[in-house]
Amino acid sequence: MIGIHEARLRLLSAASVTTVLELDVAAAAGAFAALDITAPHAHPLFDMSAVDGYAFAFGGDAWRVTGALAAGDVLPGPVQPGEAVRIFTGAMVPAGADTVVMQEFVQRSGDMIHHTDVRLRAGANVRRHAEQLRVGDTLLHRGERITAAHVGLLASVGVTQVAVRERPSVVVVRTGGEFITPGASVDGRIFSSNERMLEAALRSDGYQLARPPFTVNDEPTEMRKAFSAAMESGGLVISTGGVSVGEHDLVATVLQELGAEILFHGVRQKPGKPMLAARHGRCLVVALPGNPRAVLVAWHAYVRPLLAAMQGAADPWPASASLPLAAPVRWKGGRVELRAGQLRSGHVHLLSDEGSHMLRGMCVADVLVELPEEGGDLAAGAQVTVHYLSR
């Protein structure tokens, strides 16, 4: 059995990076950049007015209005000394003008204006050419995840297509014969949730399943057939159940019979101790226990970072920090504990130490709190490592 950090390293070291494809910039949100992206144009493209008002060369106390400029219009010639043009937000400041006064401070009589803005200075209310970006400035680094803000920035300098890593093909396999099925007796059976929860987690991050989840009983032939088909159609297979040491825990045996290489089986962690990882050609298998909380914790601690690494993420790990505890905590040790926590007033509030079959705490958690393997006691105010969750 290995430690949690060794398990993470083994899993990510086995990841194969997906192929590169070109996407429309709007469709690239959530994907990872395959190349550095630089600005083909400056931003702003030209000196432009930041307000509705009048543009002129700074100096003097009265100006004659000789024209008007809406956004997108261009003045045919320069503004002469003593002249001004009516200008609207986003319009190009014409040659000969360097300052814009807001219309609220302007008094106009016929074609003549003067203003009452005693704080006006040369260059006021003008967005300068290239003040944000120059041609060739880096907008996005290879391995960065593209956000909505990135999309807006890229589009603002004329980028229409971006090279990204293809999203991995994912297949889910839920094992176990204890689940309620239509037409069967419900005595001794439970409702199935893991495959639905994993599909929801994947969809919330922008991934699509390659096919509907496999749901199989703990029977060797049925499981071999499901895992064989799953590994053929997916770059990543996520399974739940069947990884412990009971007579019905057949996943490790089935994977080995199919020729998969076991990367690890068993991690010193709570929850999720029996989890397994395997490699079959370019396909990775992350086999999780059947308890729902263990599945969701492993999704955050292993599967999301793995999917990011498969897309060339420069930093696939969740954002982490060291923060003070709101109350003392004692834990047994022997395994790293990943506990649900909430952040309030800069302190970590540990939620109830739920069993691995319970999900209520994860519904309201902000962070996973990593309690070290050695165990012990920590006082209120002691620093603990937290890994942020998406809420």
Protein backbone atom coordinates (compact mmCIF):
# COMPACT_ATOMS: atom_id res chain seq x y z
CA MET A 1 0.00 0.00 0.00
CA ILE A 2 1.35 3.41 -0.96
CA GLY A 3 0.88 6.95 0.30
CA ILE A 4 -1.47 9.50 -1.22
CA HIS A 5 1.24 11.63 -2.80
CA GLU A 6 2.96 8.62 -4.39
CA ALA A 7 -0.40 7.47 -5.76
CA ARG A 8 -1.00 10.87 -7.34
CA LEU A 9 2.44 10.93 -8.92
CA ARG A 10 2.11 7.40 -10.33
CA LEU A 11 -1.28 8.19 -11.79
CA LEU A 12 -0.25 11.45 -13.44
CA SER A 13 3.05 9.98 -14.67
CA ALA A 14 1.05 7.37 -16.58
CA ALA A 15 -1.18 9.95 -18.30
CA SER A 16 -0.93 10.34 -22.08
CA VAL A 17 -1.55 13.85 -23.39
CA THR A 18 -4.43 14.16 -25.83
CA THR A 19 -4.17 15.41 -29.40
CA VAL A 20 -4.29 19.06 -30.49
CA LEU A 21 -7.27 20.55 -32.28
CA GLU A 22 -8.38 24.03 -33.35
CA LEU A 23 -11.55 25.45 -31.81
CA ASP A 24 -13.51 28.62 -32.27
CA VAL A 25 -12.50 30.91 -29.44
CA ALA A 26 -15.96 30.87 -27.84
CA ALA A 27 -16.03 27.07 -27.86
CA ALA A 28 -12.62 26.84 -26.19
CA ALA A 29 -13.80 27.82 -22.69
CA GLY A 30 -12.82 25.07 -20.27
CA ALA A 31 -10.19 23.58 -22.58
CA PHE A 32 -6.43 23.80 -22.07
CA ALA A 33 -4.24 25.80 -24.42
CA ALA A 34 -1.91 23.64 -26.50
CA LEU A 35 0.36 26.56 -27.44
CA ASP A 36 1.26 29.99 -26.16
CA ILE A 37 -1.15 32.51 -27.67
CA THR A 38 0.07 36.04 -28.43
CA ALA A 39 -1.79 39.20 -29.37
CA PRO A 40 -2.04 39.77 -33.15
CA HIS A 41 -3.32 43.29 -32.52
CA ALA A 42 -2.92 45.90 -29.80
CA HIS A 43 -5.61 46.68 -27.27
CA PRO A 44 -7.02 49.26 -27.49
CA LEU A 45 -6.56 49.34 -31.23
CA PHE A 46 -6.34 53.16 -31.18
CA ASP A 47 -6.80 56.09 -28.83
CA MET A 48 -10.50 56.07 -28.00
CA SER A 49 -12.87 58.07 -25.90
CA ALA A 50 -13.77 56.60 -22.52
CA VAL A 51 -16.86 58.81 -22.16
CA ASP A 52 -19.51 60.75 -24.06
CA GLY A 53 -18.26 64.32 -24.41
CA TYR A 54 -16.10 66.58 -26.57
CA ALA A 55 -12.57 65.99 -27.88
CA PHE A 56 -10.02 68.78 -28.41
CA ALA A 57 -6.39 69.71 -27.90
CA PHE A 58 -5.86 70.58 -24.24
CA GLY A 59 -5.50 74.32 -23.58
CA GLY A 60 -7.72 77.33 -24.10
CA ASP A 61 -11.12 78.11 -22.63
CA ALA A 62 -13.57 77.87 -25.56
CA TRP A 63 -13.83 75.70 -28.67
CA ARG A 64 -15.92 75.63 -31.85
CA VAL A 65 -17.64 72.31 -32.55
CA THR A 66 -16.88 71.16 -36.10
CA GLY A 67 -18.19 67.61 -36.18
CA ALA A 68 -19.40 64.52 -34.33
CA LEU A 69 -18.00 61.00 -33.95
CA ALA A 70 -19.98 57.91 -32.94
CA ALA A 71 -18.18 54.64 -32.15
CA GLY A 72 -16.94 53.26 -35.46
CA ASP A 73 -16.78 56.63 -37.21
CA VAL A 74 -13.54 58.27 -38.37
CA LEU A 75 -13.00 62.01 -38.83
CA PRO A 76 -11.69 62.76 -42.34
CA GLY A 77 -9.10 65.28 -41.12
CA PRO A 78 -7.41 66.48 -37.96
CA VAL A 79 -8.96 68.73 -35.35
CA GLN A 80 -7.48 72.22 -35.60
CA PRO A 81 -6.50 74.36 -32.62
CA GLY A 82 -9.56 75.98 -31.09
CA GLU A 83 -11.83 73.28 -32.54
CA ALA A 84 -13.67 70.39 -30.83
CA VAL A 85 -15.72 67.42 -31.98
CA ARG A 86 -18.69 65.83 -30.29
CA ILE A 87 -17.53 62.30 -29.41
CA PHE A 88 -19.14 59.19 -27.95
CA THR A 89 -17.74 56.35 -25.87
CA GLY A 90 -15.57 54.00 -27.94
CA ALA A 91 -15.03 56.41 -30.83
CA MET A 92 -11.51 57.02 -32.15
CA VAL A 93 -10.00 60.23 -30.82
CA PRO A 94 -9.13 62.17 -33.99
CA ALA A 95 -5.71 63.51 -34.86
CA GLY A 96 -5.14 66.93 -33.34
CA ALA A 97 -7.15 66.10 -30.20
CA ASP A 98 -5.66 64.66 -27.02
CA THR A 99 -8.31 65.24 -24.34
CA VAL A 100 -12.01 64.49 -23.83
CA VAL A 101 -14.21 66.40 -21.43
CA MET A 102 -17.35 64.70 -20.15
CA GLN A 103 -20.57 66.14 -21.50
CA GLU A 104 -21.82 66.73 -17.95
CA PHE A 105 -19.23 69.52 -17.56
CA VAL A 106 -19.88 71.20 -20.92
CA GLN A 107 -21.95 74.27 -21.65
CA ARG A 108 -22.80 74.79 -25.31
CA SER A 109 -24.10 77.84 -27.12
CA GLY A 110 -24.62 77.25 -30.82
CA ASP A 111 -21.32 75.87 -32.15
CA MET A 112 -19.28 77.10 -29.19
CA ILE A 113 -18.52 75.21 -25.99
CA HIS A 114 -16.64 75.77 -22.79
CA HIS A 115 -16.39 73.49 -19.76
CA THR A 116 -16.49 73.72 -15.98
CA ASP A 117 -14.33 70.68 -15.14
CA VAL A 118 -11.65 72.23 -12.93
CA ARG A 119 -9.90 68.84 -12.56
CA LEU A 120 -9.52 68.21 -16.29
CA ARG A 121 -5.95 67.46 -17.34
CA ALA A 122 -4.30 66.84 -20.69
CA GLY A 123 -5.08 63.30 -21.89
CA ALA A 124 -8.12 62.89 -19.63
CA ASN A 125 -10.85 60.37 -20.52
CA VAL A 126 -8.83 58.75 -23.32
CA ARG A 127 -8.11 55.03 -23.51
CA ARG A 128 -4.63 54.95 -24.97
CA HIS A 129 -3.60 52.78 -27.89
CA ALA A 130 -1.97 49.54 -26.62
CA GLU A 131 -2.27 50.55 -22.96
CA GLN A 132 -3.41 47.00 -22.10
CA LEU A 133 -1.72 44.87 -24.77
CA ARG A 134 0.90 45.35 -27.44
CA VAL A 135 1.27 43.20 -30.54
CA GLY A 136 3.11 40.02 -29.52
CA ASP A 137 2.21 40.14 -25.83
CA THR A 138 1.38 36.71 -24.41
CA LEU A 139 -2.32 36.30 -23.70
CA LEU A 140 -2.36 32.66 -22.65
CA HIS A 141 0.39 30.19 -21.81
CA ARG A 142 0.48 26.60 -22.95
CA GLY A 143 -1.20 24.42 -20.36
CA GLU A 144 -3.47 27.14 -19.00
CA ARG A 145 -7.17 26.42 -18.70
CA ILE A 146 -9.16 28.84 -20.84
CA THR A 147 -11.76 30.81 -18.88
CA ALA A 148 -14.53 33.13 -19.99
CA ALA A 149 -12.22 36.07 -19.23
CA HIS A 150 -9.58 34.56 -21.53
CA VAL A 151 -12.19 34.19 -24.28
CA GLY A 152 -13.12 37.84 -23.94
CA LEU A 153 -9.48 38.94 -23.98
CA LEU A 154 -8.61 36.79 -27.00
CA ALA A 155 -11.63 37.99 -28.95
CA SER A 156 -10.84 41.63 -28.10
CA VAL A 157 -7.58 41.43 -30.08
CA GLY A 158 -9.00 39.53 -33.04
CA VAL A 159 -8.19 35.92 -32.12
CA THR A 160 -10.86 33.67 -33.63
CA GLN A 161 -9.29 30.20 -33.40
CA VAL A 162 -7.21 28.63 -30.64
CA ALA A 163 -5.16 25.42 -30.46
CA VAL A 164 -6.30 23.33 -27.50
CA ARG A 165 -5.91 19.80 -26.21
CA GLU A 166 -8.80 17.52 -26.99
CA ARG A 167 -10.94 16.58 -24.02
CA PRO A 168 -10.32 12.97 -22.96
CA SER A 169 -12.85 10.31 -23.85
CA VAL A 170 -14.32 9.05 -20.55
CA VAL A 171 -16.31 5.91 -19.76
CA VAL A 172 -17.90 5.02 -16.40
CA VAL A 173 -18.37 1.47 -15.12
CA ARG A 174 -20.51 0.86 -12.04
CA THR A 175 -20.16 -2.62 -10.61
CA GLY A 176 -22.31 -4.44 -8.06
CA GLY A 177 -25.48 -6.49 -7.93
CA GLU A 178 -26.98 -4.78 -4.89
CA PHE A 179 -28.79 -2.02 -6.74
CA ILE A 180 -32.52 -1.67 -7.28
CA THR A 181 -33.50 -2.48 -10.85
CA PRO A 182 -36.94 -2.22 -12.50
CA GLY A 183 -39.04 -5.31 -11.99
CA ALA A 184 -36.77 -6.88 -9.36
CA SER A 185 -37.41 -7.25 -5.66
CA VAL A 186 -36.21 -4.25 -3.65
CA ASP A 187 -35.57 -6.25 -0.48
CA GLY A 188 -31.94 -5.83 0.57
CA ARG A 189 -31.13 -3.58 -2.35
CA ILE A 190 -30.18 0.11 -2.55
CA PHE A 191 -30.57 2.95 -5.03
CA SER A 192 -27.66 3.47 -7.39
CA SER A 193 -25.99 6.89 -7.35
CA ASN A 194 -22.31 6.61 -8.25
CA GLU A 195 -22.61 6.54 -12.03
CA ARG A 196 -25.06 9.45 -11.95
CA MET A 197 -22.83 11.46 -9.63
CA LEU A 198 -19.75 10.88 -11.76
CA GLU A 199 -21.60 11.79 -14.95
CA ALA A 200 -22.80 14.99 -13.25
CA ALA A 201 -19.26 15.81 -12.07
CA LEU A 202 -17.91 15.28 -15.57
CA ARG A 203 -20.62 17.37 -17.20
CA SER A 204 -20.11 20.21 -14.72
CA ASP A 205 -16.48 20.38 -15.89
CA GLY A 206 -17.45 20.28 -19.56
CA TYR A 207 -16.75 16.60 -20.28
CA GLN A 208 -19.07 14.25 -22.14
CA LEU A 209 -19.20 10.51 -21.58
CA ALA A 210 -18.14 8.50 -24.62
CA ARG A 211 -21.14 6.24 -24.04
CA PRO A 212 -23.75 5.60 -21.35
CA PRO A 213 -22.32 4.09 -18.14
CA PHE A 214 -21.85 0.34 -17.93
CA THR A 215 -23.75 -1.15 -14.98
CA VAL A 216 -22.65 -4.71 -14.27
CA ASN A 217 -23.04 -7.34 -11.58
CA ASP A 218 -20.08 -8.80 -9.72
CA GLU A 219 -19.76 -11.66 -12.17
CA PRO A 220 -16.45 -12.34 -13.96
CA THR A 221 -17.70 -12.79 -17.52
CA GLU A 222 -20.00 -9.77 -17.35
CA MET A 223 -17.26 -7.62 -15.86
CA ARG A 224 -14.66 -8.71 -18.41
CA LYS A 225 -17.00 -7.81 -21.22
CA ALA A 226 -17.79 -4.38 -19.73
CA PHE A 227 -14.17 -3.43 -18.94
CA SER A 228 -12.94 -4.67 -22.31
CA ALA A 229 -15.49 -2.51 -24.14
CA ALA A 230 -14.88 0.45 -21.82
CA MET A 231 -11.12 0.41 -22.35
CA GLU A 232 -11.58 0.27 -26.12
CA SER A 233 -13.83 3.33 -26.20
CA GLY A 234 -12.29 5.55 -23.52
CA GLY A 235 -9.00 7.24 -22.80
CA LEU A 236 -10.05 7.15 -19.15
CA VAL A 237 -12.25 4.57 -17.46
CA ILE A 238 -13.66 5.39 -14.03
CA SER A 239 -15.20 2.47 -12.19
CA THR A 240 -16.84 2.16 -8.80
CA GLY A 241 -17.05 -0.87 -6.56
CA GLY A 242 -15.31 -4.23 -6.58
CA VAL A 243 -11.82 -3.10 -5.50
CA SER A 244 -11.65 -4.36 -1.92
CA VAL A 245 -10.62 -7.87 -0.83
CA GLY A 246 -13.94 -9.69 -0.62
CA GLU A 247 -15.07 -12.63 -2.74
CA HIS A 248 -17.10 -10.29 -4.96
CA ASP A 249 -14.30 -7.76 -5.45
CA LEU A 250 -13.16 -8.81 -8.90
CA VAL A 251 -11.97 -5.63 -10.60
CA ALA A 252 -8.23 -6.14 -10.07
CA THR A 253 -8.39 -9.75 -11.26
CA VAL A 254 -10.50 -8.87 -14.31
CA LEU A 255 -8.20 -6.03 -15.34
CA GLN A 256 -5.12 -8.25 -15.07
CA GLU A 257 -6.83 -10.97 -17.12
CA LEU A 258 -7.46 -8.35 -19.81
CA GLY A 259 -3.77 -7.43 -19.86
CA ALA A 260 -3.85 -4.22 -17.83
CA GLU A 261 -0.84 -3.16 -15.76
CA ILE A 262 -1.76 -2.38 -12.16
CA LEU A 263 -0.13 0.91 -11.17
CA PHE A 264 -1.19 0.67 -7.55
CA HIS A 265 -3.88 -1.01 -5.47
CA GLY A 266 -4.52 0.47 -2.06
CA VAL A 267 -3.64 3.92 -0.74
CA ARG A 268 -3.09 5.01 2.84
CA GLN A 269 -6.02 7.42 2.83
CA LYS A 270 -9.46 7.87 4.30
CA PRO A 271 -11.84 7.55 2.54
CA GLY A 272 -10.97 5.44 -0.50
CA LYS A 273 -8.26 3.12 0.85
CA PRO A 274 -8.93 0.26 -1.65
CA MET A 275 -8.74 2.40 -4.82
CA LEU A 276 -6.81 1.04 -7.77
CA ALA A 277 -5.22 2.47 -10.89
CA ALA A 278 -4.24 0.55 -14.00
CA ARG A 279 -3.01 1.16 -17.53
CA HIS A 280 -4.09 -0.70 -20.66
CA GLY A 281 -2.28 0.68 -23.71
CA ARG A 282 -3.09 4.41 -23.79
CA CYS A 283 -6.18 3.91 -21.61
CA LEU A 284 -6.04 4.59 -17.88
CA VAL A 285 -8.41 2.98 -15.38
CA VAL A 286 -9.16 4.58 -12.02
CA ALA A 287 -11.13 2.03 -10.02
CA LEU A 288 -12.78 3.56 -6.97
CA PRO A 289 -14.57 1.97 -4.01
CA GLY A 290 -18.34 1.77 -4.08
CA ASN A 291 -19.08 4.15 -1.22
CA PRO A 292 -20.35 7.48 -2.62
CA ARG A 293 -18.32 9.82 -0.41
CA ALA A 294 -15.13 7.94 -1.24
CA VAL A 295 -16.01 8.27 -4.93
CA LEU A 296 -16.57 12.03 -4.75
CA VAL A 297 -13.45 12.69 -2.65
CA ALA A 298 -11.40 10.67 -5.13
CA TRP A 299 -12.94 12.65 -7.99
CA HIS A 300 -11.55 15.86 -6.50
CA ALA A 301 -8.25 14.43 -5.26
CA TYR A 302 -7.35 12.25 -8.27
CA VAL A 303 -9.69 12.21 -11.24
CA ARG A 304 -10.06 15.95 -11.94
CA PRO A 305 -6.27 16.48 -11.77
CA LEU A 306 -5.76 13.44 -14.00
CA LEU A 307 -8.16 14.77 -16.64
CA ALA A 308 -6.34 18.11 -16.58
CA ALA A 309 -2.95 16.39 -16.90
CA MET A 310 -4.23 14.44 -19.90
CA GLN A 311 -4.87 17.83 -21.53
CA GLY A 312 -1.38 19.12 -20.85
CA ALA A 313 -2.29 21.27 -17.86
CA ALA A 314 0.71 23.18 -16.55
CA ASP A 315 -0.63 22.76 -13.00
CA PRO A 316 -3.34 20.10 -12.79
CA TRP A 317 -3.70 20.16 -9.01
CA PRO A 318 -6.53 21.94 -7.20
CA ALA A 319 -5.66 25.27 -5.62
CA SER A 320 -4.42 24.72 -2.08
CA ALA A 321 -3.59 26.85 0.93
CA SER A 322 -2.53 26.60 4.55
CA LEU A 323 -5.23 28.03 6.82
CA PRO A 324 -5.98 28.03 10.57
CA LEU A 325 -8.41 25.64 12.19
CA ALA A 326 -11.48 27.11 13.88
CA ALA A 327 -11.55 24.35 16.51
CA PRO A 328 -9.21 21.62 17.79
CA VAL A 329 -9.15 18.25 16.07
CA ARG A 330 -7.82 14.81 16.93
CA TRP A 331 -7.42 11.97 14.45
CA LYS A 332 -6.03 8.47 14.69
CA GLY A 333 -3.47 8.58 11.89
CA GLY A 334 -2.06 5.71 9.89
CA ARG A 335 -3.73 7.18 6.81
CA VAL A 336 -4.11 10.65 5.36
CA GLU A 337 -7.62 11.83 6.13
CA LEU A 338 -9.45 13.96 3.57
CA ARG A 339 -12.17 15.72 5.52
CA ALA A 340 -14.88 18.06 4.30
CA GLY A 341 -14.57 21.62 5.56
CA GLN A 342 -16.08 25.07 5.27
CA LEU A 343 -14.28 28.41 5.27
CA ARG A 344 -15.69 31.16 7.45
CA SER A 345 -13.89 34.35 8.47
CA GLY A 346 -10.58 32.96 7.23
CA HIS A 347 -10.77 29.82 9.39
CA VAL A 348 -11.37 26.17 8.52
CA HIS A 349 -14.42 24.59 10.10
CA LEU A 350 -14.27 20.82 9.86
CA LEU A 351 -17.63 19.24 9.11
CA SER A 352 -18.80 16.05 10.78
CA ASP A 353 -16.52 13.08 10.12
CA GLU A 354 -19.04 11.25 7.98
CA GLY A 355 -18.81 7.66 6.94
CA SER A 356 -17.67 6.91 3.41
CA HIS A 357 -21.29 6.18 2.41
CA MET A 358 -22.49 9.68 3.39
CA LEU A 359 -22.62 12.72 1.11
CA ARG A 360 -24.39 15.48 3.07
CA GLY A 361 -21.16 17.16 4.18
CA MET A 362 -19.78 17.23 0.65
CA CYS A 363 -22.88 19.12 -0.50
CA VAL A 364 -21.87 22.16 1.59
CA ALA A 365 -18.08 21.81 1.72
CA ASP A 366 -15.76 24.51 0.37
CA VAL A 367 -12.55 22.53 0.82
CA LEU A 368 -11.04 19.14 1.45
CA VAL A 369 -8.89 19.31 4.56
CA GLU A 370 -5.80 17.08 4.40
CA LEU A 371 -4.93 15.72 7.85
CA PRO A 372 -1.46 14.13 7.83
CA GLU A 373 -0.81 10.42 7.97
CA GLU A 374 1.00 10.54 11.32
CA GLY A 375 -2.17 11.56 13.20
CA GLY A 376 -2.30 13.49 16.45
CA ASP A 377 -3.90 16.57 17.94
CA LEU A 378 -4.12 20.07 16.53
CA ALA A 379 -5.26 23.07 18.54
CA ALA A 380 -7.57 25.80 17.32
CA GLY A 381 -5.53 28.15 15.17
CA ALA A 382 -3.14 25.45 13.96
CA GLN A 383 -2.45 25.52 10.23
CA VAL A 384 -3.83 22.77 8.00
CA THR A 385 -3.59 22.15 4.27
CA VAL A 386 -6.84 22.69 2.39
CA HIS A 387 -7.69 21.92 -1.24
CA TYR A 388 -10.39 24.13 -2.71
CA LEU A 389 -13.51 22.58 -4.21
CA SER A 390 -15.63 24.02 -7.00
CA ARG A 391 -18.90 25.31 -5.58
